[in-house]
Amino acid sequence: MLAVEVEFLMGRAVAAQWEDRGKAEWPPHPQRLFSALVAAHGELQLGVPGEAALKWLEALPPPSIRADLAPSFRASPSYFVPVNDEAAKFEKNRIDLRHVLDRRNRQERFFPAVVPNDPVVTYQWTVAPGIEAHRDVLQVMVENATYLGHSSSPVRACLRQTLIEPTLSPSQVGDYVMRVPGVGRFDRLNEVHRLRLEDEMVQPPLGRTQRYGIPAKESLNAFSPEALVLAFESGPRLGLDSSLPLLLHLRNALLSHLGPSAPEVLTGHDSQGGKTLRTHLALMPLGFVNASYADGSLKGVALVLPNGETQSINRQLRSVLAKLRQLHLGPLGSLSIRLLDSSLDELKSLRFSAYAESSVQWASVTPVVLDRHPKKKGPDAATVIADSCTKSGLPRPIEVRVGQVSAVSGAPPVREFRGSAKQVDNRPRHHVVLRFGEPVRGPVLVGAGRYIGLGVCVPYRDASES
């Protein structure tokens, strides 16, 4: 994730609305934050790393925002303000001897202000694939941002280590319309800066806009909404039906590189060698599903840590994955793998963000393994799966539909999944559609095999929901 906290040090913000210069803009639009970072990049001359970070940032979806939604607005009359000093003018060989203040042109300006009850505004991207490649240079730019809006609004800015509940989220029907950065914004701002050296009247274009609304209540789960992704580059063609044996093989390779002193959040075992009771690293197959002509072929693997896990654990896992170049699969040959810095430019099947969205309804891509057997006079399969959801840190679903065929196009039926593991052997398996009473943030991993590639779900919309 990425979260930027901005505090207005004077307790008020001075920034005019784009469409009405006499009214204050609040909350400050995400595009203002982006412009402040571009300015910091230019002042610090951060070069290629800074440019790459800003172009990565502009390609992300619009962020959610935490800000006071009931501030005090201060209207502003118009002021005629002298522009910058001008040199003495020569007209018909006569020198303008007026005082420098009298020689200045005056232009109409507005300084509308807003005084929030809480001067802190937070912009956050719950899913920010590739952040680790840019975090250090982004931190430098953020901490050197001096103001948002008018220069009389000095700020303190920093990167947050945790997410915070937003008050505004991107929406199709929200009441707030905000300017947000988009692909190409960095280059346009640089071009405007070049043109303003010749003509100070040049202004940046409006750019992309996005509606925002007050978010509905959303439930998180035990797993982080971001992951490290391994792409399969060459080797045997595999499908989702081989997820279990492949991910067990990958897990064994990881454990061999981690060594005996690795933390239990990565190994899944406590200090005594027994099965840990806490949420730990999960391996998720990423297949070509949920699209036209989807065939269920495996494109990569996502490695998901528990929600709120420390950056040091993430770095430790990343360093191990960077060493893995191939998986040797016996008679099948070798599978070449690559750790992705960002999946934005990769196949859609490798974009973990599709599994980390917020949705009321989810459908399984790989079968859910029941953690106990249904009874004729006891709980049925749907009830057992609902109980498994709560064990996985999810809210209890209000509806569970089970079957042997997935509702997701390209996902194989239950009977085609191969492989054996003590966690899942001799246990019933079902494809499911889960419907919750409130939006749930992914990834949704359910059942006894959730750590080794089974019970993986994606957001799902059926005809009734549409």
Protein backbone atom coordinates (compact mmCIF):
# COMPACT_ATOMS: atom_id res chain seq x y z
CA MET A 1 0.00 0.00 0.00
CA LEU A 2 0.93 3.67 -0.24
CA ALA A 3 -0.37 6.37 2.12
CA VAL A 4 0.71 10.04 2.16
CA GLU A 5 -0.15 12.15 5.20
CA VAL A 6 -0.26 15.94 4.78
CA GLU A 7 -0.65 18.36 7.71
CA PHE A 8 -1.47 22.04 7.09
CA LEU A 9 0.82 23.73 9.58
CA MET A 10 -1.12 27.03 9.76
CA GLY A 11 -4.35 25.19 10.49
CA ARG A 12 -5.88 26.40 7.24
CA ALA A 13 -5.54 25.77 3.52
CA VAL A 14 -5.56 28.44 0.83
CA ALA A 15 -6.49 27.06 -2.58
CA ALA A 16 -9.07 28.23 -5.10
CA GLN A 17 -11.50 25.99 -6.93
CA TRP A 18 -10.76 25.49 -10.61
CA GLU A 19 -14.24 26.58 -11.72
CA ASP A 20 -14.74 29.41 -9.14
CA ARG A 21 -11.62 31.29 -8.05
CA GLY A 22 -13.53 32.96 -5.21
CA LYS A 23 -14.28 29.66 -3.43
CA ALA A 24 -11.88 27.41 -1.54
CA GLU A 25 -11.09 23.89 -2.68
CA TRP A 26 -11.46 21.20 -0.03
CA PRO A 27 -10.29 18.54 0.32
CA PRO A 28 -7.20 19.42 -1.73
CA HIS A 29 -7.48 17.42 -4.93
CA PRO A 30 -5.04 14.52 -5.49
CA GLN A 31 -3.67 16.40 -8.48
CA ARG A 32 -2.40 19.12 -6.11
CA LEU A 33 -0.44 16.51 -4.19
CA PHE A 34 1.02 15.17 -7.43
CA SER A 35 2.02 18.67 -8.55
CA ALA A 36 3.73 19.27 -5.20
CA LEU A 37 5.74 16.07 -5.65
CA VAL A 38 6.72 17.08 -9.20
CA ALA A 39 7.92 20.43 -7.83
CA ALA A 40 9.99 18.67 -5.15
CA HIS A 41 11.44 16.36 -7.80
CA GLY A 42 12.55 19.36 -9.87
CA GLU A 43 14.00 21.29 -6.95
CA LEU A 44 15.97 18.30 -5.65
CA GLN A 45 17.03 17.17 -9.15
CA LEU A 46 16.23 13.54 -8.40
CA GLY A 47 16.80 12.50 -11.99
CA VAL A 48 15.71 9.18 -13.48
CA PRO A 49 14.62 7.50 -10.18
CA GLY A 50 12.34 10.42 -9.34
CA GLU A 51 10.88 10.55 -12.85
CA ALA A 52 10.23 6.79 -12.80
CA ALA A 53 8.49 7.06 -9.42
CA LEU A 54 6.22 9.89 -10.57
CA LYS A 55 5.29 8.12 -13.80
CA TRP A 56 4.49 5.01 -11.74
CA LEU A 57 2.38 7.11 -9.35
CA GLU A 58 0.38 8.83 -12.10
CA ALA A 59 -0.59 5.42 -13.51
CA LEU A 60 -2.18 4.24 -10.25
CA PRO A 61 -5.96 4.44 -9.78
CA PRO A 62 -7.25 7.52 -7.91
CA PRO A 63 -6.54 7.33 -4.16
CA SER A 64 -9.03 7.31 -1.33
CA ILE A 65 -8.89 10.34 0.97
CA ARG A 66 -9.19 10.95 4.70
CA ALA A 67 -10.18 14.57 5.41
CA ASP A 68 -12.54 16.61 7.54
CA LEU A 69 -15.78 16.93 5.56
CA ALA A 70 -17.28 19.75 7.67
CA PRO A 71 -14.64 22.53 7.69
CA SER A 72 -15.19 26.28 7.96
CA PHE A 73 -14.99 28.05 4.60
CA ARG A 74 -13.73 31.65 4.41
CA ALA A 75 -14.96 33.61 1.40
CA SER A 76 -12.44 35.84 -0.36
CA PRO A 77 -12.96 39.22 -2.03
CA SER A 78 -10.84 39.98 -5.06
CA TYR A 79 -7.46 41.69 -4.64
CA PHE A 80 -5.49 43.46 -7.35
CA VAL A 81 -1.97 42.30 -6.72
CA PRO A 82 1.21 43.67 -8.40
CA VAL A 83 2.96 41.13 -10.54
CA ASN A 84 6.72 40.55 -10.44
CA ASP A 85 9.16 43.45 -10.79
CA GLU A 86 9.61 44.74 -14.31
CA ALA A 87 12.60 46.50 -15.79
CA ALA A 88 12.34 50.24 -16.63
CA LYS A 89 10.42 50.65 -19.90
CA PHE A 90 11.69 52.61 -22.89
CA GLU A 91 9.02 54.33 -24.99
CA LYS A 92 10.00 56.62 -27.82
CA ASN A 93 13.46 57.00 -26.32
CA ARG A 94 11.96 58.10 -23.01
CA ILE A 95 12.67 56.25 -19.75
CA ASP A 96 9.74 55.48 -17.46
CA LEU A 97 10.86 57.22 -14.27
CA ARG A 98 7.94 56.10 -12.13
CA HIS A 99 8.63 54.22 -8.92
CA VAL A 100 9.02 50.47 -9.42
CA LEU A 101 5.76 49.81 -7.50
CA ASP A 102 3.91 52.15 -9.87
CA ARG A 103 5.37 50.43 -12.92
CA ARG A 104 3.98 47.03 -11.90
CA ASN A 105 0.87 45.73 -13.57
CA ARG A 106 -1.84 44.63 -11.16
CA GLN A 107 -3.87 41.50 -11.69
CA GLU A 108 -6.98 40.24 -9.92
CA ARG A 109 -6.29 37.50 -7.38
CA PHE A 110 -8.39 35.52 -4.90
CA PHE A 111 -7.21 33.90 -1.66
CA PRO A 112 -10.13 31.79 -0.42
CA ALA A 113 -9.31 29.73 2.67
CA VAL A 114 -10.74 26.77 4.54
CA VAL A 115 -10.19 25.98 8.22
CA PRO A 116 -10.72 22.27 8.96
CA ASN A 117 -11.27 20.87 12.44
CA ASP A 118 -8.48 18.39 11.66
CA PRO A 119 -5.64 19.91 9.58
CA VAL A 120 -4.38 16.46 8.46
CA VAL A 121 -5.34 15.02 5.07
CA THR A 122 -4.33 11.49 4.02
CA TYR A 123 -4.19 10.16 0.46
CA GLN A 124 -3.91 6.39 0.23
CA TRP A 125 -3.73 3.64 -2.34
CA THR A 126 -4.78 0.35 -0.75
CA VAL A 127 -3.20 -1.54 -3.63
CA ALA A 128 0.04 -0.10 -5.05
CA PRO A 129 1.85 -2.83 -7.03
CA GLY A 130 5.54 -2.06 -7.47
CA ILE A 131 5.75 0.38 -4.54
CA GLU A 132 8.96 -1.11 -3.13
CA ALA A 133 10.93 -0.08 -6.22
CA HIS A 134 9.98 3.59 -5.64
CA ARG A 135 9.31 3.94 -1.91
CA ASP A 136 12.67 5.51 -0.99
CA VAL A 137 12.62 8.24 -3.65
CA LEU A 138 8.91 8.89 -3.02
CA GLN A 139 9.67 9.39 0.65
CA VAL A 140 12.27 12.02 -0.24
CA MET A 141 9.82 13.89 -2.48
CA VAL A 142 6.97 13.70 0.01
CA GLU A 143 9.06 14.94 2.92
CA ASN A 144 10.30 17.87 0.80
CA ALA A 145 6.86 19.00 -0.37
CA THR A 146 6.49 22.52 1.04
CA TYR A 147 2.88 23.53 0.35
CA LEU A 148 -0.38 22.46 -1.29
CA GLY A 149 -2.36 25.13 -3.08
CA HIS A 150 -1.12 28.67 -2.40
CA SER A 151 2.35 29.15 -0.92
CA SER A 152 0.70 30.55 2.22
CA SER A 153 -0.40 26.97 3.03
CA PRO A 154 2.83 25.36 4.30
CA VAL A 155 2.59 21.64 5.02
CA ARG A 156 4.38 18.78 6.70
CA ALA A 157 4.13 15.56 4.70
CA CYS A 158 5.26 11.99 5.28
CA LEU A 159 4.58 8.40 4.24
CA ARG A 160 2.33 6.50 6.63
CA GLN A 161 3.16 2.92 7.57
CA THR A 162 -0.48 1.89 8.05
CA LEU A 163 -3.80 2.52 6.33
CA ILE A 164 -6.48 4.72 7.85
CA GLU A 165 -10.24 4.65 7.35
CA PRO A 166 -11.06 7.02 4.45
CA THR A 167 -13.87 9.55 4.42
CA LEU A 168 -13.99 9.75 0.60
CA SER A 169 -13.44 7.05 -2.02
CA PRO A 170 -13.61 7.03 -5.83
CA SER A 171 -17.22 6.48 -6.92
CA GLN A 172 -19.31 6.61 -10.08
CA VAL A 173 -22.08 8.61 -8.40
CA GLY A 174 -20.27 10.63 -5.70
CA ASP A 175 -21.03 14.27 -4.91
CA TYR A 176 -17.39 15.42 -5.04
CA VAL A 177 -15.60 15.93 -8.37
CA MET A 178 -11.82 16.08 -8.01
CA ARG A 179 -8.88 16.48 -10.31
CA VAL A 180 -6.59 13.46 -10.24
CA PRO A 181 -3.31 12.67 -12.02
CA GLY A 182 -3.34 10.38 -15.02
CA VAL A 183 -0.83 8.85 -17.39
CA GLY A 184 1.16 11.63 -19.06
CA ARG A 185 0.56 14.25 -16.36
CA PHE A 186 4.24 14.42 -15.38
CA ASP A 187 5.28 15.21 -18.97
CA ARG A 188 2.53 17.83 -19.34
CA LEU A 189 3.56 19.63 -16.14
CA ASN A 190 7.18 19.73 -17.34
CA GLU A 191 6.08 21.21 -20.66
CA VAL A 192 3.97 23.86 -18.87
CA HIS A 193 7.00 24.76 -16.73
CA ARG A 194 9.09 25.22 -19.87
CA LEU A 195 6.44 27.43 -21.49
CA ARG A 196 6.02 29.54 -18.34
CA LEU A 197 9.67 30.58 -18.58
CA GLU A 198 8.60 32.55 -21.66
CA ASP A 199 5.02 33.41 -20.70
CA GLU A 200 3.92 33.38 -17.04
CA MET A 201 0.26 33.40 -18.06
CA VAL A 202 0.46 29.76 -19.25
CA GLN A 203 -1.50 27.47 -16.92
CA PRO A 204 -1.57 23.66 -16.72
CA PRO A 205 -4.63 21.99 -18.31
CA LEU A 206 -7.49 20.77 -16.15
CA GLY A 207 -6.54 17.14 -16.60
CA ARG A 208 -8.43 14.05 -15.49
CA THR A 209 -11.36 14.24 -13.06
CA GLN A 210 -12.91 11.64 -10.78
CA ARG A 211 -16.07 11.55 -8.71
CA TYR A 212 -15.73 10.80 -5.00
CA GLY A 213 -18.31 9.74 -2.45
CA ILE A 214 -18.55 8.70 1.17
CA PRO A 215 -17.48 5.02 1.20
CA ALA A 216 -19.75 2.24 2.33
CA LYS A 217 -18.59 0.24 5.31
CA GLU A 218 -15.98 -2.27 4.21
CA SER A 219 -14.62 -5.35 5.94
CA LEU A 220 -10.94 -6.24 5.74
CA ASN A 221 -9.61 -9.74 6.17
CA ALA A 222 -6.54 -11.39 7.64
CA PHE A 223 -4.50 -11.16 4.41
CA SER A 224 -2.79 -8.10 2.97
CA PRO A 225 -4.32 -6.47 -0.15
CA GLU A 226 -0.89 -6.39 -1.78
CA ALA A 227 1.47 -9.19 -2.73
CA LEU A 228 4.75 -10.13 -4.34
CA VAL A 229 4.22 -11.68 -7.78
CA LEU A 230 6.32 -14.29 -9.58
CA ALA A 231 5.77 -14.57 -13.35
CA PHE A 232 6.28 -17.81 -15.27
CA GLU A 233 8.45 -16.97 -18.27
CA SER A 234 9.31 -20.25 -19.96
CA GLY A 235 8.95 -23.95 -19.37
CA PRO A 236 6.11 -26.46 -19.42
CA ARG A 237 2.58 -25.18 -19.94
CA LEU A 238 0.63 -25.63 -16.70
CA GLY A 239 -2.97 -25.03 -15.72
CA LEU A 240 -4.80 -24.13 -12.54
CA ASP A 241 -5.59 -27.81 -12.07
CA SER A 242 -1.92 -28.36 -11.14
CA SER A 243 -1.84 -25.52 -8.59
CA LEU A 244 -1.49 -27.77 -5.53
CA PRO A 245 1.60 -29.81 -6.53
CA LEU A 246 3.29 -26.80 -8.11
CA LEU A 247 2.82 -24.50 -5.10
CA LEU A 248 3.92 -27.21 -2.69
CA HIS A 249 7.10 -27.53 -4.76
CA LEU A 250 7.57 -23.72 -4.73
CA ARG A 251 6.95 -23.61 -0.97
CA ASN A 252 9.64 -26.24 -0.37
CA ALA A 253 12.08 -24.22 -2.50
CA LEU A 254 11.31 -21.11 -0.44
CA LEU A 255 11.82 -22.93 2.85
CA SER A 256 15.18 -24.26 1.71
CA HIS A 257 16.36 -20.70 0.94
CA LEU A 258 14.87 -19.20 4.12
CA GLY A 259 16.76 -21.56 6.42
CA PRO A 260 15.88 -22.85 9.90
CA SER A 261 15.85 -19.41 11.56
CA ALA A 262 13.08 -17.96 9.37
CA PRO A 263 10.09 -16.43 11.20
CA GLU A 264 6.91 -18.47 11.54
CA VAL A 265 4.95 -15.95 9.47
CA LEU A 266 6.97 -17.17 6.46
CA THR A 267 7.35 -20.86 7.32
CA GLY A 268 3.93 -21.61 8.83
CA HIS A 269 5.61 -23.43 11.74
CA ASP A 270 6.18 -22.31 15.32
CA SER A 271 9.46 -22.51 17.23
CA GLN A 272 8.71 -26.14 18.19
CA GLY A 273 8.22 -27.17 14.58
CA GLY A 274 4.47 -27.53 14.92
CA LYS A 275 1.80 -25.87 12.78
CA THR A 276 1.43 -22.21 13.67
CA LEU A 277 -1.98 -20.95 14.78
CA ARG A 278 -1.46 -17.44 13.38
CA THR A 279 -2.11 -16.28 9.81
CA HIS A 280 1.01 -16.77 7.71
CA LEU A 281 2.34 -16.61 4.15
CA ALA A 282 -0.11 -17.86 1.51
CA LEU A 283 0.71 -18.85 -2.08
CA MET A 284 -1.93 -18.00 -4.69
CA PRO A 285 -2.00 -19.26 -8.29
CA LEU A 286 -2.61 -16.56 -10.91
CA GLY A 287 -4.35 -18.00 -13.92
CA PHE A 288 -5.99 -16.80 -17.12
CA VAL A 289 -9.59 -16.66 -15.89
CA ASN A 290 -12.61 -14.37 -15.78
CA ALA A 291 -12.15 -13.14 -19.37
CA SER A 292 -13.15 -13.95 -22.91
CA TYR A 293 -11.36 -17.06 -24.19
CA ALA A 294 -9.97 -17.76 -20.68
CA ASP A 295 -8.36 -21.21 -20.59
CA GLY A 296 -7.25 -21.52 -16.96
CA SER A 297 -3.54 -21.57 -17.84
CA LEU A 298 -1.15 -20.65 -15.02
CA LYS A 299 0.71 -17.37 -15.54
CA GLY A 300 2.33 -16.88 -12.15
CA VAL A 301 2.04 -17.00 -8.37
CA ALA A 302 1.25 -14.32 -5.79
CA LEU A 303 2.79 -14.52 -2.33
CA VAL A 304 0.51 -12.89 0.22
CA LEU A 305 1.49 -11.94 3.77
CA PRO A 306 -0.89 -11.29 6.69
CA ASN A 307 -2.43 -7.83 6.92
CA GLY A 308 -0.21 -5.32 8.72
CA GLU A 309 2.97 -7.39 8.51
CA THR A 310 6.23 -5.45 8.93
CA GLN A 311 8.31 -4.12 6.04
CA SER A 312 11.31 -6.13 7.26
CA ILE A 313 9.42 -9.39 6.68
CA ASN A 314 8.45 -8.18 3.23
CA ARG A 315 12.07 -7.35 2.42
CA GLN A 316 13.25 -10.72 3.70
CA LEU A 317 10.76 -12.52 1.46
CA ARG A 318 11.63 -10.32 -1.52
CA SER A 319 15.35 -11.04 -1.13
CA VAL A 320 14.69 -14.79 -1.20
CA LEU A 321 12.39 -14.59 -4.23
CA ALA A 322 14.99 -12.55 -6.11
CA LYS A 323 17.33 -15.56 -5.89
CA LEU A 324 14.83 -17.99 -7.38
CA ARG A 325 15.29 -18.27 -11.11
CA GLN A 326 13.98 -21.75 -11.89
CA LEU A 327 11.81 -24.49 -10.50
CA HIS A 328 12.90 -27.99 -11.51
CA LEU A 329 9.84 -30.15 -12.13
CA GLY A 330 11.41 -33.53 -12.85
CA PRO A 331 10.26 -35.10 -16.12
CA LEU A 332 8.37 -31.92 -17.02
CA GLY A 333 11.60 -29.91 -17.20
CA SER A 334 12.33 -26.53 -15.61
CA LEU A 335 10.07 -23.54 -15.12
CA SER A 336 11.74 -20.12 -15.39
CA ILE A 337 10.35 -17.55 -12.96
CA ARG A 338 10.84 -13.81 -12.44
CA LEU A 339 9.96 -11.51 -9.54
CA LEU A 340 7.96 -8.54 -10.84
CA ASP A 341 8.71 -5.01 -9.65
CA SER A 342 5.34 -3.95 -11.01
CA SER A 343 2.55 -5.84 -12.74
CA LEU A 344 1.02 -2.76 -14.41
CA ASP A 345 2.72 -3.48 -17.73
CA GLU A 346 2.36 -7.25 -17.49
CA LEU A 347 -0.44 -9.63 -18.49
CA LYS A 348 -3.75 -8.87 -16.80
CA SER A 349 -3.63 -12.37 -15.35
CA LEU A 350 -0.59 -11.31 -13.29
CA ARG A 351 -2.28 -8.29 -11.73
CA PHE A 352 -2.90 -9.20 -8.13
CA SER A 353 -5.03 -6.07 -7.72
CA ALA A 354 -7.91 -7.96 -9.40
CA TYR A 355 -7.99 -10.26 -6.34
CA ALA A 356 -7.65 -7.38 -3.85
CA GLU A 357 -10.68 -5.33 -4.85
CA SER A 358 -13.67 -4.70 -2.63
CA SER A 359 -16.83 -6.67 -3.43
CA VAL A 360 -19.98 -8.05 -1.84
CA GLN A 361 -19.88 -11.25 -3.89
CA TRP A 362 -16.95 -13.62 -4.54
CA ALA A 363 -16.57 -16.82 -6.57
CA SER A 364 -13.87 -19.49 -6.30
CA VAL A 365 -11.20 -20.00 -8.94
CA THR A 366 -9.73 -23.02 -7.16
CA PRO A 367 -11.93 -25.31 -5.03
CA VAL A 368 -12.55 -24.62 -1.36
CA VAL A 369 -11.42 -27.56 0.81
CA LEU A 370 -13.76 -28.10 3.76
CA ASP A 371 -11.91 -28.14 7.08
CA ARG A 372 -14.43 -30.66 8.50
CA HIS A 373 -16.87 -33.14 7.03
CA PRO A 374 -20.55 -32.20 6.74
CA LYS A 375 -22.98 -34.36 8.73
CA LYS A 376 -26.40 -35.63 7.77
CA LYS A 377 -27.88 -34.23 10.95
CA GLY A 378 -25.27 -31.55 11.48
CA PRO A 379 -23.93 -28.60 9.51
CA ASP A 380 -24.09 -28.95 5.73
CA ALA A 381 -21.31 -27.97 3.33
CA ALA A 382 -22.53 -24.37 3.03
CA THR A 383 -22.48 -23.95 6.82
CA VAL A 384 -19.00 -25.45 7.10
CA ILE A 385 -17.73 -23.03 4.43
CA ALA A 386 -19.41 -20.08 6.18
CA ASP A 387 -17.60 -21.11 9.39
CA SER A 388 -14.33 -21.29 7.43
CA CYS A 389 -14.79 -17.70 6.31
CA THR A 390 -14.87 -16.46 9.89
CA LYS A 391 -11.78 -18.56 10.68
CA SER A 392 -10.03 -16.79 7.79
CA GLY A 393 -10.77 -13.39 9.31
CA LEU A 394 -13.70 -12.64 7.00
CA PRO A 395 -17.24 -11.70 8.01
CA ARG A 396 -19.75 -14.52 7.88
CA PRO A 397 -21.39 -14.69 4.42
CA ILE A 398 -25.16 -14.32 4.24
CA GLU A 399 -25.34 -16.77 1.33
CA VAL A 400 -23.13 -19.70 0.24
CA ARG A 401 -23.70 -21.56 -3.02
CA VAL A 402 -21.71 -24.75 -3.64
CA GLY A 403 -21.11 -26.87 -6.73
CA GLN A 404 -18.56 -28.83 -8.70
CA VAL A 405 -18.20 -26.24 -11.47
CA SER A 406 -16.82 -22.72 -10.97
CA ALA A 407 -18.89 -19.63 -11.77
CA VAL A 408 -15.65 -18.03 -13.07
CA SER A 409 -14.91 -18.55 -16.77
CA GLY A 410 -11.73 -20.54 -17.40
CA ALA A 411 -11.54 -22.08 -13.90
CA PRO A 412 -11.44 -25.92 -14.08
CA PRO A 413 -14.13 -28.03 -12.36
CA VAL A 414 -13.34 -29.67 -9.03
CA ARG A 415 -12.68 -33.14 -10.50
CA GLU A 416 -9.75 -31.88 -12.60
CA PHE A 417 -7.63 -30.59 -9.71
CA ARG A 418 -4.71 -32.86 -8.99
CA GLY A 419 -2.17 -33.28 -6.22
CA SER A 420 -1.95 -34.49 -2.66
CA ALA A 421 -1.16 -32.82 0.68
CA LYS A 422 -1.90 -33.78 4.25
CA GLN A 423 -3.78 -30.50 4.78
CA VAL A 424 -6.39 -31.35 2.12
CA ASP A 425 -6.37 -35.11 1.47
CA ASN A 426 -9.67 -36.97 1.98
CA ARG A 427 -11.58 -33.76 2.51
CA PRO A 428 -14.61 -32.61 0.47
CA ARG A 429 -13.96 -29.90 -2.11
CA HIS A 430 -16.43 -27.47 -3.65
CA HIS A 431 -16.49 -24.46 -5.89
CA VAL A 432 -18.41 -21.67 -4.17
CA VAL A 433 -20.10 -18.33 -4.64
CA LEU A 434 -20.05 -16.27 -1.43
CA ARG A 435 -22.27 -13.26 -0.79
CA PHE A 436 -21.56 -11.01 2.17
CA GLY A 437 -23.76 -8.40 3.84
CA GLU A 438 -21.17 -5.68 3.26
CA PRO A 439 -18.24 -5.11 0.87
CA VAL A 440 -15.20 -7.24 1.68
CA ARG A 441 -11.68 -6.26 0.70
CA GLY A 442 -9.69 -9.07 -0.91
CA PRO A 443 -7.84 -11.27 -1.21
CA VAL A 444 -10.46 -13.82 -0.20
CA LEU A 445 -8.82 -17.16 0.64
CA VAL A 446 -11.06 -19.77 2.25
CA GLY A 447 -10.80 -23.32 3.54
CA ALA A 448 -8.17 -25.82 4.65
CA GLY A 449 -6.02 -25.30 1.55
CA ARG A 450 -5.98 -21.49 1.58
CA TYR A 451 -2.22 -21.31 2.19
CA ILE A 452 -1.28 -23.62 -0.69
CA GLY A 453 -3.35 -22.37 -3.61
CA LEU A 454 -6.86 -23.71 -2.96
CA GLY A 455 -9.91 -21.70 -1.95
CA VAL A 456 -8.84 -18.67 -4.04
CA CYS A 457 -11.74 -16.35 -4.94
CA VAL A 458 -12.27 -13.34 -7.22
CA PRO A 459 -14.93 -10.61 -7.16
CA TYR A 460 -17.99 -11.86 -8.99
CA ARG A 461 -21.08 -10.21 -10.49
CA ASP A 462 -23.97 -12.36 -11.63
CA ALA A 463 -27.04 -11.34 -13.58
CA SER A 464 -29.11 -10.66 -10.44
CA GLU A 465 -26.48 -8.27 -9.03
CA SER A 466 -26.21 -6.44 -12.34
